[in-house]
N, C-alpha and C. Protein backbone atom coordinates (compact mmCIF):
# COMPACT_ATOMS: atom_id res chain seq x y z
N MET A 1 0.81 -1.18 0.00
CA MET A 1 0.00 0.00 0.00
C MET A 1 0.86 1.25 0.00
N GLY A 2 2.11 1.17 0.29
CA GLY A 2 3.01 2.32 0.23
C GLY A 2 2.93 3.17 1.49
N GLN A 3 3.53 4.35 1.40
CA GLN A 3 3.55 5.28 2.52
C GLN A 3 2.20 5.99 2.64
N ILE A 4 1.62 5.91 3.81
CA ILE A 4 0.34 6.56 4.07
C ILE A 4 0.56 7.59 5.17
N PRO A 5 0.18 8.83 4.92
CA PRO A 5 0.31 9.83 5.97
C PRO A 5 -0.53 9.44 7.19
N ALA A 6 -0.06 9.82 8.35
CA ALA A 6 -0.73 9.43 9.59
C ALA A 6 -2.16 9.96 9.66
N ASP A 7 -2.42 11.11 9.04
CA ASP A 7 -3.76 11.68 9.11
C ASP A 7 -4.68 11.18 7.99
N ALA A 8 -4.20 10.28 7.14
CA ALA A 8 -4.97 9.87 5.98
C ALA A 8 -5.59 8.48 6.11
N ALA A 9 -5.29 7.75 7.16
CA ALA A 9 -5.82 6.39 7.24
C ALA A 9 -5.96 5.97 8.69
N HIS A 10 -6.74 4.93 8.88
CA HIS A 10 -6.80 4.30 10.19
C HIS A 10 -7.03 2.80 10.00
N TRP A 11 -6.71 2.05 11.01
CA TRP A 11 -6.81 0.60 10.97
C TRP A 11 -8.21 0.19 11.40
N ASP A 12 -8.90 -0.63 10.57
CA ASP A 12 -10.24 -1.06 10.91
C ASP A 12 -10.47 -2.45 10.36
N SER A 13 -10.83 -3.38 11.19
CA SER A 13 -11.13 -4.76 10.79
C SER A 13 -10.00 -5.41 10.00
N GLY A 14 -8.78 -5.11 10.37
CA GLY A 14 -7.64 -5.74 9.71
C GLY A 14 -7.21 -5.08 8.42
N ASP A 15 -7.78 -3.92 8.07
CA ASP A 15 -7.41 -3.21 6.84
C ASP A 15 -7.17 -1.74 7.13
N TRP A 16 -6.31 -1.15 6.30
CA TRP A 16 -6.11 0.29 6.37
C TRP A 16 -7.22 0.96 5.56
N ILE A 17 -7.89 1.93 6.17
CA ILE A 17 -8.93 2.69 5.49
C ILE A 17 -8.33 4.05 5.14
N GLU A 18 -8.33 4.38 3.85
CA GLU A 18 -7.77 5.65 3.39
C GLU A 18 -8.91 6.62 3.08
N TRP A 19 -9.10 7.61 3.92
CA TRP A 19 -10.21 8.54 3.73
C TRP A 19 -10.03 9.40 2.49
N HIS A 20 -8.82 9.82 2.19
CA HIS A 20 -8.64 10.71 1.05
C HIS A 20 -8.87 10.00 -0.28
N ARG A 21 -8.94 8.70 -0.30
CA ARG A 21 -9.21 7.98 -1.54
C ARG A 21 -10.66 7.51 -1.63
N THR A 22 -11.35 7.40 -0.52
CA THR A 22 -12.72 6.90 -0.56
C THR A 22 -13.76 8.01 -0.61
N ALA A 23 -13.41 9.22 -0.30
CA ALA A 23 -14.38 10.30 -0.27
C ALA A 23 -14.13 11.29 -1.41
N ILE A 24 -13.93 10.78 -2.62
CA ILE A 24 -13.58 11.66 -3.74
C ILE A 24 -14.79 12.25 -4.43
N GLY A 25 -16.00 11.85 -4.08
CA GLY A 25 -17.18 12.37 -4.75
C GLY A 25 -17.54 11.52 -5.96
N GLU A 26 -18.48 12.02 -6.75
CA GLU A 26 -18.92 11.22 -7.88
C GLU A 26 -18.01 11.41 -9.08
N ASP A 27 -17.93 10.39 -9.90
CA ASP A 27 -17.10 10.40 -11.10
C ASP A 27 -17.83 11.15 -12.20
N ARG A 28 -17.24 12.22 -12.69
CA ARG A 28 -17.88 13.01 -13.75
C ARG A 28 -17.10 12.92 -15.07
N THR A 29 -16.29 11.89 -15.24
CA THR A 29 -15.58 11.72 -16.50
C THR A 29 -16.57 11.31 -17.57
N PRO A 30 -16.45 11.88 -18.78
CA PRO A 30 -17.41 11.56 -19.83
C PRO A 30 -17.29 10.12 -20.30
N CYS A 31 -18.40 9.60 -20.77
CA CYS A 31 -18.45 8.24 -21.28
C CYS A 31 -17.71 8.16 -22.61
N ILE A 32 -16.88 7.16 -22.78
CA ILE A 32 -16.11 7.00 -24.02
C ILE A 32 -17.03 6.67 -25.19
N ALA A 33 -18.13 5.97 -24.95
CA ALA A 33 -19.02 5.54 -26.03
C ALA A 33 -19.86 6.69 -26.59
N THR A 34 -19.92 7.80 -25.91
CA THR A 34 -20.82 8.88 -26.29
C THR A 34 -20.67 9.35 -27.74
N PRO A 35 -19.46 9.63 -28.23
CA PRO A 35 -19.37 10.14 -29.61
C PRO A 35 -19.86 9.17 -30.68
N SER A 36 -19.72 7.89 -30.44
CA SER A 36 -20.08 6.92 -31.48
C SER A 36 -21.48 6.33 -31.34
N ASP A 37 -22.10 6.47 -30.20
CA ASP A 37 -23.40 5.86 -29.96
C ASP A 37 -24.42 6.92 -29.56
N PRO A 38 -25.44 7.17 -30.39
CA PRO A 38 -26.43 8.21 -30.05
C PRO A 38 -27.18 7.92 -28.76
N MET A 39 -27.45 6.65 -28.46
CA MET A 39 -28.16 6.33 -27.22
C MET A 39 -27.29 6.63 -26.01
N ALA A 40 -25.99 6.39 -26.12
CA ALA A 40 -25.08 6.73 -25.03
C ALA A 40 -25.04 8.24 -24.83
N ALA A 41 -25.07 8.98 -25.93
CA ALA A 41 -25.07 10.45 -25.83
C ALA A 41 -26.35 10.93 -25.14
N LEU A 42 -27.49 10.34 -25.48
CA LEU A 42 -28.74 10.73 -24.83
C LEU A 42 -28.74 10.35 -23.35
N THR A 43 -28.18 9.19 -23.04
CA THR A 43 -28.10 8.76 -21.63
C THR A 43 -27.24 9.73 -20.84
N ALA A 44 -26.08 10.10 -21.39
CA ALA A 44 -25.20 11.05 -20.72
C ALA A 44 -25.89 12.40 -20.56
N LEU A 45 -26.61 12.83 -21.59
CA LEU A 45 -27.35 14.09 -21.52
C LEU A 45 -28.40 14.04 -20.42
N SER A 46 -29.13 12.95 -20.34
CA SER A 46 -30.16 12.79 -19.31
C SER A 46 -29.55 12.87 -17.92
N VAL A 47 -28.46 12.16 -17.71
CA VAL A 47 -27.79 12.16 -16.41
C VAL A 47 -27.29 13.55 -16.06
N ASN A 48 -26.69 14.23 -17.03
CA ASN A 48 -26.17 15.58 -16.78
C ASN A 48 -27.28 16.57 -16.46
N MET A 49 -28.40 16.49 -17.18
CA MET A 49 -29.52 17.40 -16.89
C MET A 49 -30.09 17.14 -15.50
N LEU A 50 -30.22 15.86 -15.13
CA LEU A 50 -30.73 15.54 -13.79
C LEU A 50 -29.77 16.03 -12.71
N HIS A 51 -28.45 15.85 -12.92
CA HIS A 51 -27.47 16.35 -11.95
C HIS A 51 -27.55 17.87 -11.81
N SER A 52 -27.66 18.56 -12.94
CA SER A 52 -27.74 20.02 -12.90
C SER A 52 -29.01 20.50 -12.20
N ALA A 53 -30.14 19.88 -12.54
CA ALA A 53 -31.40 20.27 -11.91
C ALA A 53 -31.36 20.02 -10.41
N ARG A 54 -30.79 18.89 -10.02
CA ARG A 54 -30.71 18.56 -8.59
C ARG A 54 -29.78 19.54 -7.86
N ALA A 55 -28.62 19.81 -8.45
CA ALA A 55 -27.66 20.73 -7.82
C ALA A 55 -28.27 22.12 -7.66
N TRP A 56 -29.00 22.58 -8.68
CA TRP A 56 -29.64 23.89 -8.60
C TRP A 56 -30.72 23.91 -7.52
N TRP A 57 -31.51 22.83 -7.46
CA TRP A 57 -32.57 22.74 -6.45
C TRP A 57 -31.97 22.76 -5.05
N GLU A 58 -30.90 21.99 -4.86
CA GLU A 58 -30.28 21.92 -3.54
C GLU A 58 -29.62 23.24 -3.15
N ALA A 59 -29.09 23.97 -4.12
CA ALA A 59 -28.42 25.23 -3.83
C ALA A 59 -29.39 26.38 -3.62
N THR A 60 -30.51 26.39 -4.38
CA THR A 60 -31.39 27.56 -4.35
C THR A 60 -32.81 27.28 -3.91
N GLY A 61 -33.24 26.02 -3.99
CA GLY A 61 -34.63 25.70 -3.70
C GLY A 61 -35.56 26.03 -4.86
N GLU A 62 -34.99 26.40 -5.99
CA GLU A 62 -35.77 26.75 -7.18
C GLU A 62 -35.59 25.68 -8.25
N HIS A 63 -36.54 25.65 -9.18
CA HIS A 63 -36.49 24.68 -10.28
C HIS A 63 -35.82 25.29 -11.50
N LEU A 64 -34.92 24.53 -12.13
CA LEU A 64 -34.38 24.91 -13.43
C LEU A 64 -35.42 24.55 -14.49
N PRO A 65 -35.54 25.31 -15.55
CA PRO A 65 -36.54 24.98 -16.58
C PRO A 65 -36.04 23.90 -17.54
N VAL A 66 -35.71 22.73 -17.01
CA VAL A 66 -35.19 21.64 -17.85
C VAL A 66 -36.05 20.38 -17.79
N TYR A 67 -37.13 20.40 -17.04
CA TYR A 67 -37.90 19.17 -16.86
C TYR A 67 -38.55 18.68 -18.16
N ASP A 68 -38.99 19.60 -19.01
CA ASP A 68 -39.56 19.17 -20.30
C ASP A 68 -38.49 18.48 -21.15
N ALA A 69 -37.28 19.03 -21.15
CA ALA A 69 -36.19 18.42 -21.91
C ALA A 69 -35.82 17.05 -21.34
N ILE A 70 -35.80 16.94 -20.02
CA ILE A 70 -35.52 15.64 -19.39
C ILE A 70 -36.58 14.63 -19.81
N ALA A 71 -37.83 15.05 -19.85
CA ALA A 71 -38.92 14.15 -20.25
C ALA A 71 -38.79 13.72 -21.70
N LYS A 72 -38.41 14.64 -22.59
CA LYS A 72 -38.24 14.29 -24.00
C LYS A 72 -37.10 13.30 -24.19
N VAL A 73 -36.01 13.52 -23.49
CA VAL A 73 -34.88 12.59 -23.60
C VAL A 73 -35.26 11.23 -23.03
N HIS A 74 -35.98 11.23 -21.92
CA HIS A 74 -36.45 9.97 -21.33
C HIS A 74 -37.36 9.23 -22.32
N ALA A 75 -38.25 9.96 -22.97
CA ALA A 75 -39.15 9.35 -23.96
C ALA A 75 -38.36 8.76 -25.12
N ALA A 76 -37.30 9.44 -25.53
CA ALA A 76 -36.46 8.91 -26.61
C ALA A 76 -35.75 7.64 -26.18
N LEU A 77 -35.26 7.62 -24.96
CA LEU A 77 -34.52 6.46 -24.47
C LEU A 77 -35.44 5.27 -24.19
N GLU A 78 -36.55 5.50 -23.54
CA GLU A 78 -37.41 4.41 -23.09
C GLU A 78 -38.45 3.96 -24.12
N TYR A 79 -38.91 4.90 -24.95
CA TYR A 79 -40.02 4.58 -25.86
C TYR A 79 -39.66 4.79 -27.33
N ASP A 80 -38.40 5.13 -27.60
CA ASP A 80 -37.92 5.32 -28.96
C ASP A 80 -38.69 6.42 -29.69
N LEU A 81 -39.06 7.46 -28.98
CA LEU A 81 -39.73 8.61 -29.58
C LEU A 81 -38.69 9.62 -30.05
N PRO A 82 -38.99 10.42 -31.06
CA PRO A 82 -38.01 11.42 -31.51
C PRO A 82 -37.80 12.49 -30.45
N VAL A 83 -36.54 12.95 -30.34
CA VAL A 83 -36.22 13.97 -29.35
C VAL A 83 -36.79 15.33 -29.76
N SER A 84 -36.74 15.63 -31.04
CA SER A 84 -37.27 16.92 -31.49
C SER A 84 -38.27 16.71 -32.61
N GLY A 85 -39.18 17.63 -32.72
CA GLY A 85 -40.19 17.56 -33.76
C GLY A 85 -41.30 16.59 -33.39
N GLU A 86 -42.40 16.73 -34.08
CA GLU A 86 -43.54 15.84 -33.85
C GLU A 86 -43.94 15.21 -35.16
N ASP A 87 -44.57 14.10 -35.06
CA ASP A 87 -45.12 13.44 -36.23
C ASP A 87 -46.36 14.23 -36.66
N PRO A 88 -46.46 14.63 -37.94
CA PRO A 88 -47.63 15.41 -38.36
C PRO A 88 -48.93 14.62 -38.36
N ASP A 89 -48.84 13.31 -38.32
CA ASP A 89 -50.04 12.47 -38.30
C ASP A 89 -50.62 12.46 -36.89
N PRO A 90 -51.84 13.01 -36.69
CA PRO A 90 -52.41 13.06 -35.33
C PRO A 90 -52.65 11.68 -34.72
N GLU A 91 -52.68 10.65 -35.56
CA GLU A 91 -52.87 9.30 -35.04
C GLU A 91 -51.62 8.77 -34.34
N ARG A 92 -50.48 9.45 -34.56
CA ARG A 92 -49.23 8.98 -33.96
C ARG A 92 -48.60 10.00 -33.01
N VAL A 93 -49.28 11.07 -32.70
CA VAL A 93 -48.75 12.09 -31.81
C VAL A 93 -48.85 11.60 -30.37
N ILE A 94 -47.72 11.62 -29.68
CA ILE A 94 -47.66 11.26 -28.26
C ILE A 94 -47.50 12.56 -27.47
N ARG A 95 -48.41 12.84 -26.58
CA ARG A 95 -48.34 14.03 -25.74
C ARG A 95 -47.50 13.68 -24.52
N ILE A 96 -46.43 14.46 -24.27
CA ILE A 96 -45.54 14.22 -23.14
C ILE A 96 -45.83 15.25 -22.06
N CYS A 97 -46.15 14.78 -20.86
CA CYS A 97 -46.42 15.64 -19.71
C CYS A 97 -45.39 15.32 -18.62
N VAL A 98 -45.07 16.31 -17.81
CA VAL A 98 -44.04 16.15 -16.79
C VAL A 98 -44.60 16.43 -15.40
N LEU A 99 -44.25 15.57 -14.47
CA LEU A 99 -44.50 15.82 -13.04
C LEU A 99 -43.15 16.13 -12.41
N PRO A 100 -42.90 17.39 -12.03
CA PRO A 100 -41.59 17.76 -11.51
C PRO A 100 -41.37 17.26 -10.08
N PRO A 101 -40.11 17.18 -9.67
CA PRO A 101 -39.83 16.81 -8.28
C PRO A 101 -40.27 17.93 -7.34
N HIS A 102 -40.61 17.57 -6.14
CA HIS A 102 -41.00 18.53 -5.11
C HIS A 102 -42.17 19.39 -5.58
N GLY A 103 -43.01 18.82 -6.44
CA GLY A 103 -44.17 19.55 -6.95
C GLY A 103 -45.33 19.49 -5.97
N PRO A 104 -46.33 20.35 -6.18
CA PRO A 104 -47.45 20.40 -5.25
C PRO A 104 -48.37 19.19 -5.33
N ASP A 105 -48.47 18.57 -6.50
CA ASP A 105 -49.33 17.39 -6.62
C ASP A 105 -48.81 16.48 -7.73
N ASN A 106 -49.43 15.36 -7.88
CA ASN A 106 -49.04 14.39 -8.90
C ASN A 106 -50.12 14.24 -9.96
N THR A 107 -50.60 15.37 -10.47
CA THR A 107 -51.60 15.34 -11.53
C THR A 107 -51.15 16.21 -12.69
N VAL A 108 -51.59 15.83 -13.87
CA VAL A 108 -51.36 16.64 -15.07
C VAL A 108 -52.71 16.96 -15.68
N GLU A 109 -52.75 18.05 -16.42
CA GLU A 109 -53.99 18.47 -17.07
C GLU A 109 -53.80 18.39 -18.58
N LEU A 110 -54.74 17.73 -19.24
CA LEU A 110 -54.68 17.55 -20.69
C LEU A 110 -55.74 18.40 -21.37
N ASP A 111 -55.36 19.05 -22.46
CA ASP A 111 -56.31 19.76 -23.30
C ASP A 111 -56.81 18.76 -24.34
N LEU A 112 -58.04 18.35 -24.23
CA LEU A 112 -58.58 17.30 -25.09
C LEU A 112 -58.87 17.77 -26.50
N SER A 113 -58.83 19.08 -26.74
CA SER A 113 -59.04 19.57 -28.11
C SER A 113 -57.78 19.39 -28.96
N GLU A 114 -56.63 19.17 -28.33
CA GLU A 114 -55.39 18.94 -29.07
C GLU A 114 -55.36 17.51 -29.59
N PRO A 115 -54.80 17.31 -30.80
CA PRO A 115 -54.73 15.95 -31.33
C PRO A 115 -53.58 15.16 -30.70
N PHE A 116 -53.88 13.97 -30.22
CA PHE A 116 -52.86 13.06 -29.72
C PHE A 116 -53.45 11.66 -29.67
N SER A 117 -52.57 10.67 -29.78
CA SER A 117 -53.04 9.28 -29.74
C SER A 117 -52.75 8.63 -28.39
N ALA A 118 -51.78 9.18 -27.66
CA ALA A 118 -51.43 8.64 -26.35
C ALA A 118 -50.80 9.74 -25.51
N VAL A 119 -50.77 9.51 -24.22
CA VAL A 119 -50.16 10.44 -23.28
C VAL A 119 -49.04 9.70 -22.55
N LEU A 120 -47.87 10.32 -22.53
CA LEU A 120 -46.75 9.79 -21.77
C LEU A 120 -46.52 10.75 -20.62
N ILE A 121 -46.67 10.26 -19.40
CA ILE A 121 -46.43 11.08 -18.23
C ILE A 121 -45.09 10.67 -17.63
N VAL A 122 -44.19 11.63 -17.57
CA VAL A 122 -42.85 11.40 -17.03
C VAL A 122 -42.80 12.05 -15.66
N ARG A 123 -42.47 11.25 -14.68
CA ARG A 123 -42.43 11.72 -13.29
C ARG A 123 -40.98 11.75 -12.82
N ILE A 124 -40.53 12.93 -12.42
CA ILE A 124 -39.20 13.07 -11.82
C ILE A 124 -39.44 13.09 -10.32
N ARG A 125 -39.02 12.04 -9.67
CA ARG A 125 -39.32 11.88 -8.25
C ARG A 125 -38.45 12.81 -7.40
N ASP A 126 -38.81 12.93 -6.13
CA ASP A 126 -38.06 13.79 -5.22
C ASP A 126 -36.63 13.32 -5.01
N ASN A 127 -36.36 12.04 -5.29
CA ASN A 127 -34.98 11.54 -5.18
C ASN A 127 -34.25 11.61 -6.52
N TRP A 128 -34.85 12.31 -7.50
CA TRP A 128 -34.27 12.60 -8.81
C TRP A 128 -34.11 11.37 -9.70
N THR A 129 -34.96 10.38 -9.50
CA THR A 129 -35.05 9.27 -10.44
C THR A 129 -36.25 9.54 -11.33
N VAL A 130 -36.27 8.91 -12.50
CA VAL A 130 -37.31 9.18 -13.49
C VAL A 130 -38.14 7.93 -13.72
N GLN A 131 -39.45 8.11 -13.73
CA GLN A 131 -40.40 7.04 -14.04
C GLN A 131 -41.33 7.56 -15.12
N SER A 132 -41.97 6.64 -15.83
CA SER A 132 -42.93 7.08 -16.84
C SER A 132 -44.03 6.05 -17.00
N ARG A 133 -45.18 6.54 -17.44
CA ARG A 133 -46.32 5.69 -17.75
C ARG A 133 -47.02 6.25 -18.98
N MET A 134 -47.45 5.35 -19.85
CA MET A 134 -48.13 5.77 -21.07
C MET A 134 -49.52 5.17 -21.10
N ILE A 135 -50.46 5.97 -21.60
CA ILE A 135 -51.83 5.50 -21.74
C ILE A 135 -52.37 6.03 -23.07
N SER A 136 -53.07 5.17 -23.79
CA SER A 136 -53.64 5.59 -25.07
C SER A 136 -54.86 6.48 -24.83
N ARG A 137 -55.13 7.32 -25.81
CA ARG A 137 -56.29 8.21 -25.70
C ARG A 137 -57.58 7.40 -25.62
N ALA A 138 -57.63 6.28 -26.32
CA ALA A 138 -58.83 5.44 -26.31
C ALA A 138 -59.15 4.93 -24.91
N ARG A 139 -58.13 4.70 -24.08
CA ARG A 139 -58.35 4.19 -22.72
C ARG A 139 -58.72 5.29 -21.73
N LEU A 140 -58.67 6.54 -22.16
CA LEU A 140 -59.00 7.64 -21.26
C LEU A 140 -60.49 7.79 -21.02
N ASN A 141 -61.33 7.27 -21.93
CA ASN A 141 -62.79 7.36 -21.80
C ASN A 141 -63.23 8.79 -21.51
N CYS A 142 -62.91 9.68 -22.44
CA CYS A 142 -63.22 11.09 -22.22
C CYS A 142 -63.80 11.71 -23.49
N ALA A 143 -64.27 12.92 -23.34
CA ALA A 143 -64.84 13.67 -24.46
C ALA A 143 -63.72 14.18 -25.36
N ASP A 144 -64.10 14.86 -26.43
CA ASP A 144 -63.11 15.39 -27.36
C ASP A 144 -62.79 16.86 -27.12
N GLU A 145 -63.33 17.43 -26.08
CA GLU A 145 -63.03 18.83 -25.78
C GLU A 145 -63.01 19.02 -24.27
N GLY A 146 -62.50 20.17 -23.88
CA GLY A 146 -62.37 20.45 -22.45
C GLY A 146 -61.01 20.00 -21.94
N THR A 147 -60.92 19.87 -20.63
CA THR A 147 -59.67 19.42 -20.02
C THR A 147 -59.92 18.17 -19.19
N LEU A 148 -58.87 17.43 -19.00
CA LEU A 148 -58.93 16.22 -18.20
C LEU A 148 -57.74 16.20 -17.26
N LYS A 149 -57.99 15.95 -15.99
CA LYS A 149 -56.90 15.82 -15.03
C LYS A 149 -56.60 14.35 -14.83
N LEU A 150 -55.32 14.01 -14.95
CA LEU A 150 -54.87 12.64 -14.73
C LEU A 150 -53.97 12.59 -13.51
N SER A 151 -54.24 11.67 -12.62
CA SER A 151 -53.43 11.48 -11.43
C SER A 151 -52.44 10.35 -11.69
N TRP A 152 -51.22 10.51 -11.21
CA TRP A 152 -50.19 9.47 -11.37
C TRP A 152 -50.66 8.15 -10.77
N ALA A 153 -51.28 8.21 -9.62
CA ALA A 153 -51.73 6.99 -8.93
C ALA A 153 -52.81 6.26 -9.71
N ALA A 154 -53.59 6.97 -10.51
CA ALA A 154 -54.68 6.34 -11.26
C ALA A 154 -54.22 5.73 -12.58
N LEU A 155 -52.98 5.99 -12.97
CA LEU A 155 -52.48 5.47 -14.25
C LEU A 155 -52.10 4.00 -14.13
N PRO A 156 -52.18 3.26 -15.24
CA PRO A 156 -51.75 1.87 -15.21
C PRO A 156 -50.25 1.78 -14.94
N ALA A 157 -49.82 0.67 -14.36
CA ALA A 157 -48.41 0.48 -14.02
C ALA A 157 -47.54 0.55 -15.27
N ALA A 158 -46.28 0.87 -15.06
CA ALA A 158 -45.33 1.01 -16.17
C ALA A 158 -45.17 -0.29 -16.92
N ARG A 159 -44.78 -0.13 -18.17
CA ARG A 159 -44.60 -1.31 -19.01
C ARG A 159 -43.33 -2.03 -18.68
């Protein structure tokens, strides 16, 4: 193990514990696969946005305006949806809604006059993990106009 400064380690359970090597924080080195693999790039982007949003929340108690982008990237990773742009065919439009962390409630409001075939609700939990649930418009049993409130708890379990 080499020379260890007296203030850098202690003996515990038959091993030297080196504090200066175990408390280095999280590894922020970029992923090597990112330039060659688009999915790796999206994964790295998702992780970086979540880290930034969390750090800002912890420092200021305010929300960064990145939750919609996090939801779009999550939809691309988990459901193979395009990151930008929408399909012009209303039969294939997926409406993405976000439930932010530390939010007042776990409901989203849908404008039923807008064309969409399904709703993807992306929930960023208070511990900064991401979950999502999708439901088709046909399963909503609703009218074609007005608004509809959907509760996270009332949605079917994730796929």
